[in-house]
Amino acid sequence: MVNGIINVYKEAGYTSHDVVARLRGIFKQKKIGHTGTLDPAAVGVLPVCLGKATKVCDLLTDRDKTYRCVMLLGVETDTQDATGQVLARRQVSVTEEALRRAVEGFVGAYQQLPPMYSALKVNGKKLYELARAGKEVERKPRKIRIEEIVIEEIKLPRVTMEVTCSKGTYIRTLCHDIGQVLGCGACMEQLTRTRVGDFLLQDSLTLAQIEAVVKDGAGKILRPVDDLFRQYPKVTVSETARKLLENGNRIPISELVRWETEWEKQPLRLYDSAGRFAGIYQYQPGEQDVKPIKLFLEKD
């Protein structure tokens, strides 16, 4: 089984599930998961986890993301993007100053109402399924955070922006909401995800590129799981505690090759004596040992 994370460039027309299906064929294994959906029309970074790395899908989903989008002023659609049915067209006569003021007003914490055309579920039904059936249901606003919005180009009625935001943010809803503040309406015309955590657009590979590289050996494009945790201290376990490690047991600090008191308040990366990554552990002061938080090591 192949284990690791691939930085996939999701092309237009593919769903995130389509990407996973293609990769299952390329790697000939079922244990693959993506780290957050991108709409079919959107392109860009989609980290995909294989094998044991699927255990970190949720961790990657939680990371901040950066997008480049084109906002089209004066047009409102039912999907809040350019793929939807046009609901209204209005004259665009906003000043650059008013535009910048409206955009800057969304930086920081923001209660965002999820769009009907989304994969969120209400009473077990996906919102987009209800929307396609002509139904609209009550949704609760969700607290998200816009870290930064950089306006890159203004060519009215189009505005190109780079948005850095928390998980759960809908960029098309952000565009819609900016349009409401300006009074002319807006929708999202284009979207590229340029970053997920430290997975960057310039390092991403298309499915065709991945397929070509896999024929020569997948290791060239796979990022190891422990690379995601390199901010934590690396700790090696003695050979005598190998079975404890393999069985997912707590490890006494006396069985660690080296121990530093400053490690007591932070997660640790534990490795066996052969250098294999075992998992993330946390010190337990009452027991003088470290407890597993997330395990990745498989028995021989």
C-alpha atoms as a PDB file:
ATOM      1  CA  MET A   1       0.000   0.000   0.000  1.00  0.00           C
ATOM      2  CA  VAL A   2       1.231   3.487  -0.891  1.00  0.00           C
ATOM      3  CA  ASN A   3       1.294   5.979   2.018  1.00  0.00           C
ATOM      4  CA  GLY A   4       1.695   9.737   1.768  1.00  0.00           C
ATOM      5  CA  ILE A   5       0.134  12.974   0.545  1.00  0.00           C
ATOM      6  CA  ILE A   6      -0.027  14.285  -3.021  1.00  0.00           C
ATOM      7  CA  ASN A   7      -0.526  17.930  -3.912  1.00  0.00           C
ATOM      8  CA  VAL A   8      -3.016  17.575  -6.771  1.00  0.00           C
ATOM      9  CA  TYR A   9      -3.889  20.365  -9.189  1.00  0.00           C
ATOM     10  CA  LYS A  10      -7.645  19.903  -9.574  1.00  0.00           C
ATOM     11  CA  GLU A  11      -8.647  20.861 -13.083  1.00  0.00           C
ATOM     12  CA  ALA A  12     -11.965  22.408 -14.117  1.00  0.00           C
ATOM     13  CA  GLY A  13     -14.774  19.921 -14.645  1.00  0.00           C
ATOM     14  CA  TYR A  14     -13.594  17.480 -11.975  1.00  0.00           C
ATOM     15  CA  THR A  15     -15.228  17.107  -8.579  1.00  0.00           C
ATOM     16  CA  SER A  16     -13.006  16.283  -5.617  1.00  0.00           C
ATOM     17  CA  HIS A  17     -14.552  12.794  -5.648  1.00  0.00           C
ATOM     18  CA  ASP A  18     -13.626  12.436  -9.343  1.00  0.00           C
ATOM     19  CA  VAL A  19      -9.999  13.140  -8.431  1.00  0.00           C
ATOM     20  CA  VAL A  20     -10.026  10.458  -5.727  1.00  0.00           C
ATOM     21  CA  ALA A  21     -11.609   7.948  -8.133  1.00  0.00           C
ATOM     22  CA  ARG A  22      -8.902   8.605 -10.747  1.00  0.00           C
ATOM     23  CA  LEU A  23      -6.130   8.256  -8.163  1.00  0.00           C
ATOM     24  CA  ARG A  24      -7.555   4.940  -6.957  1.00  0.00           C
ATOM     25  CA  GLY A  25      -7.106   3.710 -10.505  1.00  0.00           C
ATOM     26  CA  ILE A  26      -3.609   5.173 -10.848  1.00  0.00           C
ATOM     27  CA  PHE A  27      -2.325   3.749  -7.549  1.00  0.00           C
ATOM     28  CA  LYS A  28      -4.540   0.634  -7.617  1.00  0.00           C
ATOM     29  CA  GLN A  29      -5.633   1.049  -4.010  1.00  0.00           C
ATOM     30  CA  LYS A  30      -8.868   2.052  -2.321  1.00  0.00           C
ATOM     31  CA  LYS A  31      -7.598   3.827   0.780  1.00  0.00           C
ATOM     32  CA  ILE A  32      -7.491   7.403  -0.550  1.00  0.00           C
ATOM     33  CA  GLY A  33      -9.226  10.543   0.706  1.00  0.00           C
ATOM     34  CA  HIS A  34      -9.304  14.226  -0.220  1.00  0.00           C
ATOM     35  CA  THR A  35      -8.964  17.125   2.213  1.00  0.00           C
ATOM     36  CA  GLY A  36     -11.829  19.429   1.316  1.00  0.00           C
ATOM     37  CA  THR A  37     -14.075  19.887  -1.676  1.00  0.00           C
ATOM     38  CA  LEU A  38     -13.553  22.270  -4.547  1.00  0.00           C
ATOM     39  CA  ASP A  39     -16.486  23.093  -6.831  1.00  0.00           C
ATOM     40  CA  PRO A  40     -16.258  21.464 -10.295  1.00  0.00           C
ATOM     41  CA  ALA A  41     -15.640  24.835 -12.000  1.00  0.00           C
ATOM     42  CA  ALA A  42     -12.877  25.776  -9.536  1.00  0.00           C
ATOM     43  CA  VAL A  43      -9.232  24.791 -10.004  1.00  0.00           C
ATOM     44  CA  GLY A  44      -6.150  24.559  -7.850  1.00  0.00           C
ATOM     45  CA  VAL A  45      -4.623  22.876  -4.832  1.00  0.00           C
ATOM     46  CA  LEU A  46      -6.283  19.709  -3.534  1.00  0.00           C
ATOM     47  CA  PRO A  47      -4.091  17.684  -1.132  1.00  0.00           C
ATOM     48  CA  VAL A  48      -5.018  14.002  -1.349  1.00  0.00           C
ATOM     49  CA  CYS A  49      -4.047  11.446   1.301  1.00  0.00           C
ATOM     50  CA  LEU A  50      -3.125   7.849   0.524  1.00  0.00           C
ATOM     51  CA  GLY A  51      -2.980   4.845   2.847  1.00  0.00           C
ATOM     52  CA  LYS A  52      -2.037   5.680   6.432  1.00  0.00           C
ATOM     53  CA  ALA A  53      -2.025   9.362   5.523  1.00  0.00           C
ATOM     54  CA  THR A  54      -5.851   9.330   5.363  1.00  0.00           C
ATOM     55  CA  LYS A  55      -5.677   9.733   9.148  1.00  0.00           C
ATOM     56  CA  VAL A  56      -4.597  13.366   8.620  1.00  0.00           C
ATOM     57  CA  CYS A  57      -7.370  14.338   6.170  1.00  0.00           C
ATOM     58  CA  ASP A  58      -9.218  16.221   8.912  1.00  0.00           C
ATOM     59  CA  LEU A  59      -6.041  18.022   9.974  1.00  0.00           C
ATOM     60  CA  LEU A  60      -5.448  19.314   6.442  1.00  0.00           C
ATOM     61  CA  THR A  61      -9.098  20.279   6.028  1.00  0.00           C
ATOM     62  CA  ASP A  62      -8.757  22.494   9.115  1.00  0.00           C
ATOM     63  CA  ARG A  63      -5.818  24.517   7.747  1.00  0.00           C
ATOM     64  CA  ASP A  64      -6.088  28.048   6.400  1.00  0.00           C
ATOM     65  CA  LYS A  65      -6.431  28.407   2.652  1.00  0.00           C
ATOM     66  CA  THR A  66      -5.681  31.055   0.032  1.00  0.00           C
ATOM     67  CA  TYR A  67      -7.741  31.651  -3.104  1.00  0.00           C
ATOM     68  CA  ARG A  68      -7.517  33.902  -6.127  1.00  0.00           C
ATOM     69  CA  CYS A  69     -10.965  34.829  -7.395  1.00  0.00           C
ATOM     70  CA  VAL A  70     -12.614  37.065  -9.952  1.00  0.00           C
ATOM     71  CA  MET A  71     -15.717  38.792  -8.591  1.00  0.00           C
ATOM     72  CA  LEU A  72     -18.250  39.951 -11.187  1.00  0.00           C
ATOM     73  CA  LEU A  73     -20.241  42.952  -9.961  1.00  0.00           C
ATOM     74  CA  GLY A  74     -23.797  43.660 -11.112  1.00  0.00           C
ATOM     75  CA  VAL A  75     -24.840  40.001 -11.494  1.00  0.00           C
ATOM     76  CA  GLU A  76     -26.571  37.760  -8.953  1.00  0.00           C
ATOM     77  CA  THR A  77     -27.126  34.033  -9.522  1.00  0.00           C
ATOM     78  CA  ASP A  78     -28.839  31.232  -7.621  1.00  0.00           C
ATOM     79  CA  THR A  79     -25.500  29.461  -7.042  1.00  0.00           C
ATOM     80  CA  GLN A  80     -23.603  32.697  -6.246  1.00  0.00           C
ATOM     81  CA  ASP A  81     -21.164  31.897  -9.063  1.00  0.00           C
ATOM     82  CA  ALA A  82     -21.151  32.269 -12.847  1.00  0.00           C
ATOM     83  CA  THR A  83     -22.392  28.699 -13.425  1.00  0.00           C
ATOM     84  CA  GLY A  84     -25.817  29.449 -11.958  1.00  0.00           C
ATOM     85  CA  GLN A  85     -29.050  30.922 -13.242  1.00  0.00           C
ATOM     86  CA  VAL A  86     -29.020  34.723 -13.340  1.00  0.00           C
ATOM     87  CA  LEU A  87     -31.474  36.193 -10.847  1.00  0.00           C
ATOM     88  CA  ALA A  88     -30.701  39.876 -11.315  1.00  0.00           C
ATOM     89  CA  ARG A  89     -28.561  42.280 -13.327  1.00  0.00           C
ATOM     90  CA  ARG A  90     -27.811  45.783 -12.109  1.00  0.00           C
ATOM     91  CA  GLN A  91     -25.849  48.818 -13.205  1.00  0.00           C
ATOM     92  CA  VAL A  92     -22.370  49.028 -11.677  1.00  0.00           C
ATOM     93  CA  SER A  93     -21.459  52.567 -10.736  1.00  0.00           C
ATOM     94  CA  VAL A  94     -19.357  52.080  -7.604  1.00  0.00           C
ATOM     95  CA  THR A  95     -16.214  54.083  -6.933  1.00  0.00           C
ATOM     96  CA  GLU A  96     -12.892  52.408  -6.246  1.00  0.00           C
ATOM     97  CA  GLU A  97     -12.924  53.890  -2.754  1.00  0.00           C
ATOM     98  CA  ALA A  98     -16.369  52.419  -1.987  1.00  0.00           C
ATOM     99  CA  LEU A  99     -15.295  49.066  -3.388  1.00  0.00           C
ATOM    100  CA  ARG A 100     -12.157  48.911  -1.264  1.00  0.00           C
ATOM    101  CA  ARG A 101     -14.079  49.969   1.827  1.00  0.00           C
ATOM    102  CA  ALA A 102     -16.705  47.242   1.261  1.00  0.00           C
ATOM    103  CA  VAL A 103     -14.051  44.564   0.712  1.00  0.00           C
ATOM    104  CA  GLU A 104     -12.025  45.571   3.766  1.00  0.00           C
ATOM    105  CA  GLY A 105     -15.194  45.371   5.869  1.00  0.00           C
ATOM    106  CA  PHE A 106     -15.139  41.582   5.552  1.00  0.00           C
ATOM    107  CA  VAL A 107     -11.634  41.107   6.960  1.00  0.00           C
ATOM    108  CA  GLY A 108     -11.744  39.476  10.382  1.00  0.00           C
ATOM    109  CA  ALA A 109     -14.409  37.312  12.015  1.00  0.00           C
ATOM    110  CA  TYR A 110     -17.539  37.072   9.884  1.00  0.00           C
ATOM    111  CA  GLN A 111     -20.879  35.274  10.247  1.00  0.00           C
ATOM    112  CA  GLN A 112     -21.363  33.694   6.826  1.00  0.00           C
ATOM    113  CA  LEU A 113     -24.628  32.103   5.697  1.00  0.00           C
ATOM    114  CA  PRO A 114     -23.792  28.903   3.732  1.00  0.00           C
ATOM    115  CA  PRO A 115     -25.255  28.894   0.206  1.00  0.00           C
ATOM    116  CA  MET A 116     -28.075  26.545  -0.768  1.00  0.00           C
ATOM    117  CA  TYR A 117     -25.859  25.142  -3.511  1.00  0.00           C
ATOM    118  CA  SER A 118     -23.366  23.489  -1.160  1.00  0.00           C
ATOM    119  CA  ALA A 119     -22.568  19.994   0.124  1.00  0.00           C
ATOM    120  CA  LEU A 120     -23.606  20.829   3.694  1.00  0.00           C
ATOM    121  CA  LYS A 121     -26.326  18.594   5.067  1.00  0.00           C
ATOM    122  CA  VAL A 122     -29.600  19.598   6.740  1.00  0.00           C
ATOM    123  CA  ASN A 123     -31.624  16.718   8.203  1.00  0.00           C
ATOM    124  CA  GLY A 124     -29.502  14.252   6.266  1.00  0.00           C
ATOM    125  CA  LYS A 125     -30.018  15.933   2.896  1.00  0.00           C
ATOM    126  CA  LYS A 126     -27.309  17.827   1.021  1.00  0.00           C
ATOM    127  CA  LEU A 127     -28.298  21.431   0.450  1.00  0.00           C
ATOM    128  CA  TYR A 128     -27.555  21.331  -3.271  1.00  0.00           C
ATOM    129  CA  GLU A 129     -29.944  18.374  -3.667  1.00  0.00           C
ATOM    130  CA  LEU A 130     -32.708  20.410  -2.029  1.00  0.00           C
ATOM    131  CA  ALA A 131     -31.816  23.461  -4.135  1.00  0.00           C
ATOM    132  CA  ARG A 132     -32.010  21.456  -7.348  1.00  0.00           C
ATOM    133  CA  ALA A 133     -35.474  20.291  -6.277  1.00  0.00           C
ATOM    134  CA  GLY A 134     -36.515  23.929  -5.953  1.00  0.00           C
ATOM    135  CA  LYS A 135     -36.510  23.929  -2.148  1.00  0.00           C
ATOM    136  CA  GLU A 136     -34.876  26.423   0.172  1.00  0.00           C
ATOM    137  CA  VAL A 137     -34.355  25.615   3.842  1.00  0.00           C
ATOM    138  CA  GLU A 138     -33.254  27.662   6.813  1.00  0.00           C
ATOM    139  CA  ARG A 139     -29.495  27.649   7.375  1.00  0.00           C
ATOM    140  CA  LYS A 140     -27.567  28.919  10.354  1.00  0.00           C
ATOM    141  CA  PRO A 141     -24.726  31.404   9.787  1.00  0.00           C
ATOM    142  CA  ARG A 142     -21.303  29.989  10.559  1.00  0.00           C
ATOM    143  CA  LYS A 143     -18.436  31.895  12.094  1.00  0.00           C
ATOM    144  CA  ILE A 144     -15.497  31.972   9.694  1.00  0.00           C
ATOM    145  CA  ARG A 145     -12.500  34.253   9.496  1.00  0.00           C
ATOM    146  CA  ILE A 146     -11.081  36.232   6.608  1.00  0.00           C
ATOM    147  CA  GLU A 147      -7.403  36.765   7.400  1.00  0.00           C
ATOM    148  CA  GLU A 148      -6.612  38.994   4.428  1.00  0.00           C
ATOM    149  CA  ILE A 149      -8.062  40.241   1.145  1.00  0.00           C
ATOM    150  CA  VAL A 150      -5.691  41.727  -1.409  1.00  0.00           C
ATOM    151  CA  ILE A 151      -7.308  43.441  -4.390  1.00  0.00           C
ATOM    152  CA  GLU A 152      -5.014  42.627  -7.313  1.00  0.00           C
ATOM    153  CA  GLU A 153      -6.899  44.264 -10.170  1.00  0.00           C
ATOM    154  CA  ILE A 154      -9.996  46.405 -10.688  1.00  0.00           C
ATOM    155  CA  LYS A 155     -11.506  46.385 -14.178  1.00  0.00           C
ATOM    156  CA  LEU A 156     -15.165  47.027 -13.488  1.00  0.00           C
ATOM    157  CA  PRO A 157     -17.403  45.130 -13.427  1.00  0.00           C
ATOM    158  CA  ARG A 158     -14.648  42.606 -12.548  1.00  0.00           C
ATOM    159  CA  VAL A 159     -12.431  42.615  -9.469  1.00  0.00           C
ATOM    160  CA  THR A 160      -9.569  40.149  -8.977  1.00  0.00           C
ATOM    161  CA  MET A 161      -8.798  39.386  -5.334  1.00  0.00           C
ATOM    162  CA  GLU A 162      -6.576  37.100  -3.282  1.00  0.00           C
ATOM    163  CA  VAL A 163      -8.351  35.854  -0.151  1.00  0.00           C
ATOM    164  CA  THR A 164      -6.754  34.059   2.802  1.00  0.00           C
ATOM    165  CA  CYS A 165      -9.348  32.515   5.072  1.00  0.00           C
ATOM    166  CA  SER A 166     -10.268  29.865   7.617  1.00  0.00           C
ATOM    167  CA  LYS A 167     -11.811  26.503   6.825  1.00  0.00           C
ATOM    168  CA  GLY A 168     -15.501  26.498   5.916  1.00  0.00           C
ATOM    169  CA  THR A 169     -15.346  29.771   3.982  1.00  0.00           C
ATOM    170  CA  TYR A 170     -17.347  30.031   0.759  1.00  0.00           C
ATOM    171  CA  ILE A 171     -15.602  32.487  -1.550  1.00  0.00           C
ATOM    172  CA  ARG A 172     -18.676  32.754  -3.792  1.00  0.00           C
ATOM    173  CA  THR A 173     -20.733  33.741  -0.749  1.00  0.00           C
ATOM    174  CA  LEU A 174     -18.092  36.324   0.145  1.00  0.00           C
ATOM    175  CA  CYS A 175     -18.454  37.783  -3.377  1.00  0.00           C
ATOM    176  CA  HIS A 176     -22.245  37.742  -3.050  1.00  0.00           C
ATOM    177  CA  ASP A 177     -22.096  39.480   0.327  1.00  0.00           C
ATOM    178  CA  ILE A 178     -19.715  42.170  -0.937  1.00  0.00           C
ATOM    179  CA  GLY A 179     -22.192  42.785  -3.770  1.00  0.00           C
ATOM    180  CA  GLN A 180     -24.991  43.223  -1.243  1.00  0.00           C
ATOM    181  CA  VAL A 181     -22.986  45.834   0.669  1.00  0.00           C
ATOM    182  CA  LEU A 182     -22.274  47.712  -2.565  1.00  0.00           C
ATOM    183  CA  GLY A 183     -25.942  47.529  -3.594  1.00  0.00           C
ATOM    184  CA  CYS A 184     -25.246  46.226  -7.102  1.00  0.00           C
ATOM    185  CA  GLY A 185     -25.001  42.511  -6.357  1.00  0.00           C
ATOM    186  CA  ALA A 186     -22.126  40.224  -7.330  1.00  0.00           C
ATOM    187  CA  CYS A 187     -21.172  36.645  -8.076  1.00  0.00           C
ATOM    188  CA  MET A 188     -17.929  34.735  -8.342  1.00  0.00           C
ATOM    189  CA  GLU A 189     -16.757  34.281 -11.928  1.00  0.00           C
ATOM    190  CA  GLN A 190     -13.489  32.358 -11.427  1.00  0.00           C
ATOM    191  CA  LEU A 191     -11.793  30.598  -8.510  1.00  0.00           C
ATOM    192  CA  THR A 192      -8.306  29.164  -8.039  1.00  0.00           C
ATOM    193  CA  ARG A 193      -7.153  27.704  -4.739  1.00  0.00           C
ATOM    194  CA  THR A 194      -3.489  28.637  -4.476  1.00  0.00           C
ATOM    195  CA  ARG A 195      -2.668  27.271  -1.018  1.00  0.00           C
ATOM    196  CA  VAL A 196      -3.819  24.781   1.628  1.00  0.00           C
ATOM    197  CA  GLY A 197      -1.588  25.093   4.685  1.00  0.00           C
ATOM    198  CA  ASP A 198       1.891  24.797   3.171  1.00  0.00           C
ATOM    199  CA  PHE A 199       0.731  22.978   0.029  1.00  0.00           C
ATOM    200  CA  LEU A 200       1.273  25.529  -2.757  1.00  0.00           C
ATOM    201  CA  LEU A 201      -0.104  25.915  -6.275  1.00  0.00           C
ATOM    202  CA  GLN A 202       3.348  25.981  -7.891  1.00  0.00           C
ATOM    203  CA  ASP A 203       4.094  22.523  -6.451  1.00  0.00           C
ATOM    204  CA  SER A 204       0.814  20.890  -7.524  1.00  0.00           C
ATOM    205  CA  LEU A 205       0.547  18.221 -10.231  1.00  0.00           C
ATOM    206  CA  THR A 206      -2.267  17.373 -12.633  1.00  0.00           C
ATOM    207  CA  LEU A 207      -3.680  13.857 -12.715  1.00  0.00           C
ATOM    208  CA  ALA A 208      -1.918  13.248 -16.040  1.00  0.00           C
ATOM    209  CA  GLN A 209       1.429  14.307 -14.540  1.00  0.00           C
ATOM    210  CA  ILE A 210       0.862  12.071 -11.507  1.00  0.00           C
ATOM    211  CA  GLU A 211      -0.003   9.104 -13.714  1.00  0.00           C
ATOM    212  CA  ALA A 212       3.194   9.597 -15.713  1.00  0.00           C
ATOM    213  CA  VAL A 213       5.394   9.855 -12.604  1.00  0.00           C
ATOM    214  CA  VAL A 214       3.818   6.828 -10.882  1.00  0.00           C
ATOM    215  CA  LYS A 215       5.091   4.620 -13.692  1.00  0.00           C
ATOM    216  CA  ASP A 216       8.624   5.519 -12.573  1.00  0.00           C
ATOM    217  CA  GLY A 217       7.961   5.323  -8.819  1.00  0.00           C
ATOM    218  CA  ALA A 218       5.440   7.210  -6.675  1.00  0.00           C
ATOM    219  CA  GLY A 219       7.967   8.245  -4.051  1.00  0.00           C
ATOM    220  CA  LYS A 220       8.973  11.237  -6.140  1.00  0.00           C
ATOM    221  CA  ILE A 221       5.606  12.942  -5.670  1.00  0.00           C
ATOM    222  CA  LEU A 222       4.517  11.669  -2.263  1.00  0.00           C
ATOM    223  CA  ARG A 223       5.014  13.795   0.810  1.00  0.00           C
ATOM    224  CA  PRO A 224       5.544  11.646   3.956  1.00  0.00           C
ATOM    225  CA  VAL A 225       3.017  11.945   6.750  1.00  0.00           C
ATOM    226  CA  ASP A 226       5.529  13.031   9.385  1.00  0.00           C
ATOM    227  CA  ASP A 227       6.439  16.047   7.245  1.00  0.00           C
ATOM    228  CA  LEU A 228       3.122  17.592   8.334  1.00  0.00           C
ATOM    229  CA  PHE A 229       4.292  17.528  11.964  1.00  0.00           C
ATOM    230  CA  ARG A 230       7.843  18.792  11.581  1.00  0.00           C
ATOM    231  CA  GLN A 231       7.078  21.672  13.979  1.00  0.00           C
ATOM    232  CA  TYR A 232       7.097  19.095  16.811  1.00  0.00           C
ATOM    233  CA  PRO A 233      10.295  17.652  18.367  1.00  0.00           C
ATOM    234  CA  LYS A 234      11.532  14.350  16.918  1.00  0.00           C
ATOM    235  CA  VAL A 235      12.002  11.674  19.600  1.00  0.00           C
ATOM    236  CA  THR A 236      13.377   8.157  19.123  1.00  0.00           C
ATOM    237  CA  VAL A 237      12.201   5.189  21.199  1.00  0.00           C
ATOM    238  CA  SER A 238      14.656   2.537  22.424  1.00  0.00           C
ATOM    239  CA  GLU A 239      14.704  -0.887  20.791  1.00  0.00           C
ATOM    240  CA  THR A 240      13.516  -2.506  24.050  1.00  0.00           C
ATOM    241  CA  ALA A 241      10.228  -0.554  23.804  1.00  0.00           C
ATOM    242  CA  ARG A 242       9.599  -1.496  20.182  1.00  0.00           C
ATOM    243  CA  LYS A 243       6.617  -3.748  20.983  1.00  0.00           C
ATOM    244  CA  LEU A 244       5.025  -1.053  23.139  1.00  0.00           C
ATOM    245  CA  LEU A 245       5.330   1.330  20.221  1.00  0.00           C
ATOM    246  CA  GLU A 246       3.944  -1.119  17.661  1.00  0.00           C
ATOM    247  CA  ASN A 247       0.970  -1.955  19.906  1.00  0.00           C
ATOM    248  CA  GLY A 248       0.083   1.703  20.410  1.00  0.00           C
ATOM    249  CA  ASN A 249       0.844   1.637  24.138  1.00  0.00           C
ATOM    250  CA  ARG A 250       2.082   4.477  26.299  1.00  0.00           C
ATOM    251  CA  ILE A 251       5.870   4.779  26.373  1.00  0.00           C
ATOM    252  CA  PRO A 252       7.732   5.519  29.652  1.00  0.00           C
ATOM    253  CA  ILE A 253      10.072   8.462  29.192  1.00  0.00           C
ATOM    254  CA  SER A 254      12.867   6.180  30.430  1.00  0.00           C
ATOM    255  CA  GLU A 255      12.479   4.292  27.119  1.00  0.00           C
ATOM    256  CA  LEU A 256      13.116   7.410  25.042  1.00  0.00           C
ATOM    257  CA  VAL A 257      16.662   7.812  23.719  1.00  0.00           C
ATOM    258  CA  ARG A 258      16.662  11.428  24.883  1.00  0.00           C
ATOM    259  CA  TRP A 259      14.295  13.522  26.999  1.00  0.00           C
ATOM    260  CA  GLU A 260      14.101  17.303  27.393  1.00  0.00           C
ATOM    261  CA  THR A 261      11.926  18.932  30.054  1.00  0.00           C
ATOM    262  CA  GLU A 262      10.729  21.607  27.582  1.00  0.00           C
ATOM    263  CA  TRP A 263       8.955  18.826  25.634  1.00  0.00           C
ATOM    264  CA  GLU A 264       6.427  18.324  28.428  1.00  0.00           C
ATOM    265  CA  LYS A 265       3.878  20.825  27.073  1.00  0.00           C
ATOM    266  CA  GLN A 266       3.912  20.061  23.353  1.00  0.00           C
ATOM    267  CA  PRO A 267       3.131  17.155  21.033  1.00  0.00           C
ATOM    268  CA  LEU A 268       6.037  14.921  20.013  1.00  0.00           C
ATOM    269  CA  ARG A 269       6.905  12.918  16.872  1.00  0.00           C
ATOM    270  CA  LEU A 270       7.934   9.424  17.957  1.00  0.00           C
ATOM    271  CA  TYR A 271      10.092   7.128  15.796  1.00  0.00           C
ATOM    272  CA  ASP A 272      11.266   3.565  16.370  1.00  0.00           C
ATOM    273  CA  SER A 273      14.955   2.648  16.475  1.00  0.00           C
ATOM    274  CA  ALA A 274      14.862   1.941  12.713  1.00  0.00           C
ATOM    275  CA  GLY A 275      13.715   5.513  12.037  1.00  0.00           C
ATOM    276  CA  ARG A 276      10.095   4.667  11.187  1.00  0.00           C
ATOM    277  CA  PHE A 277       7.526   7.310  12.132  1.00  0.00           C
ATOM    278  CA  ALA A 278       5.186   5.899  14.787  1.00  0.00           C
ATOM    279  CA  GLY A 279       2.859   8.783  15.568  1.00  0.00           C
ATOM    280  CA  ILE A 280       2.121  11.867  17.633  1.00  0.00           C
ATOM    281  CA  TYR A 281       2.419  11.530  21.409  1.00  0.00           C
ATOM    282  CA  GLN A 282       1.840  13.815  24.394  1.00  0.00           C
ATOM    283  CA  TYR A 283       3.619  13.783  27.757  1.00  0.00           C
ATOM    284  CA  GLN A 284       1.524  12.685  30.784  1.00  0.00           C
ATOM    285  CA  PRO A 285       3.059  14.229  33.918  1.00  0.00           C
ATOM    286  CA  GLY A 286       1.266  11.986  36.425  1.00  0.00           C
ATOM    287  CA  GLU A 287       2.504   8.789  34.787  1.00  0.00           C
ATOM    288  CA  GLN A 288       5.929   9.961  33.553  1.00  0.00           C
ATOM    289  CA  ASP A 289       5.168   8.598  30.117  1.00  0.00           C
ATOM    290  CA  VAL A 290       3.954   9.736  26.700  1.00  0.00           C
ATOM    291  CA  LYS A 291       0.472   8.875  25.441  1.00  0.00           C
ATOM    292  CA  PRO A 292      -0.405   8.265  21.757  1.00  0.00           C
ATOM    293  CA  ILE A 293      -2.585  10.964  20.167  1.00  0.00           C
ATOM    294  CA  LYS A 294      -2.467   9.766  16.550  1.00  0.00           C
ATOM    295  CA  LEU A 295      -0.821   6.512  15.428  1.00  0.00           C
ATOM    296  CA  PHE A 296       0.661   5.727  12.017  1.00  0.00           C
ATOM    297  CA  LEU A 297       3.048   2.804  12.573  1.00  0.00           C
ATOM    298  CA  GLU A 298       2.015  -0.615  11.283  1.00  0.00           C
ATOM    299  CA  LYS A 299       3.300  -3.900  12.675  1.00  0.00           C
ATOM    300  CA  ASP A 300       5.828  -5.830  10.612  1.00  0.00           C
END
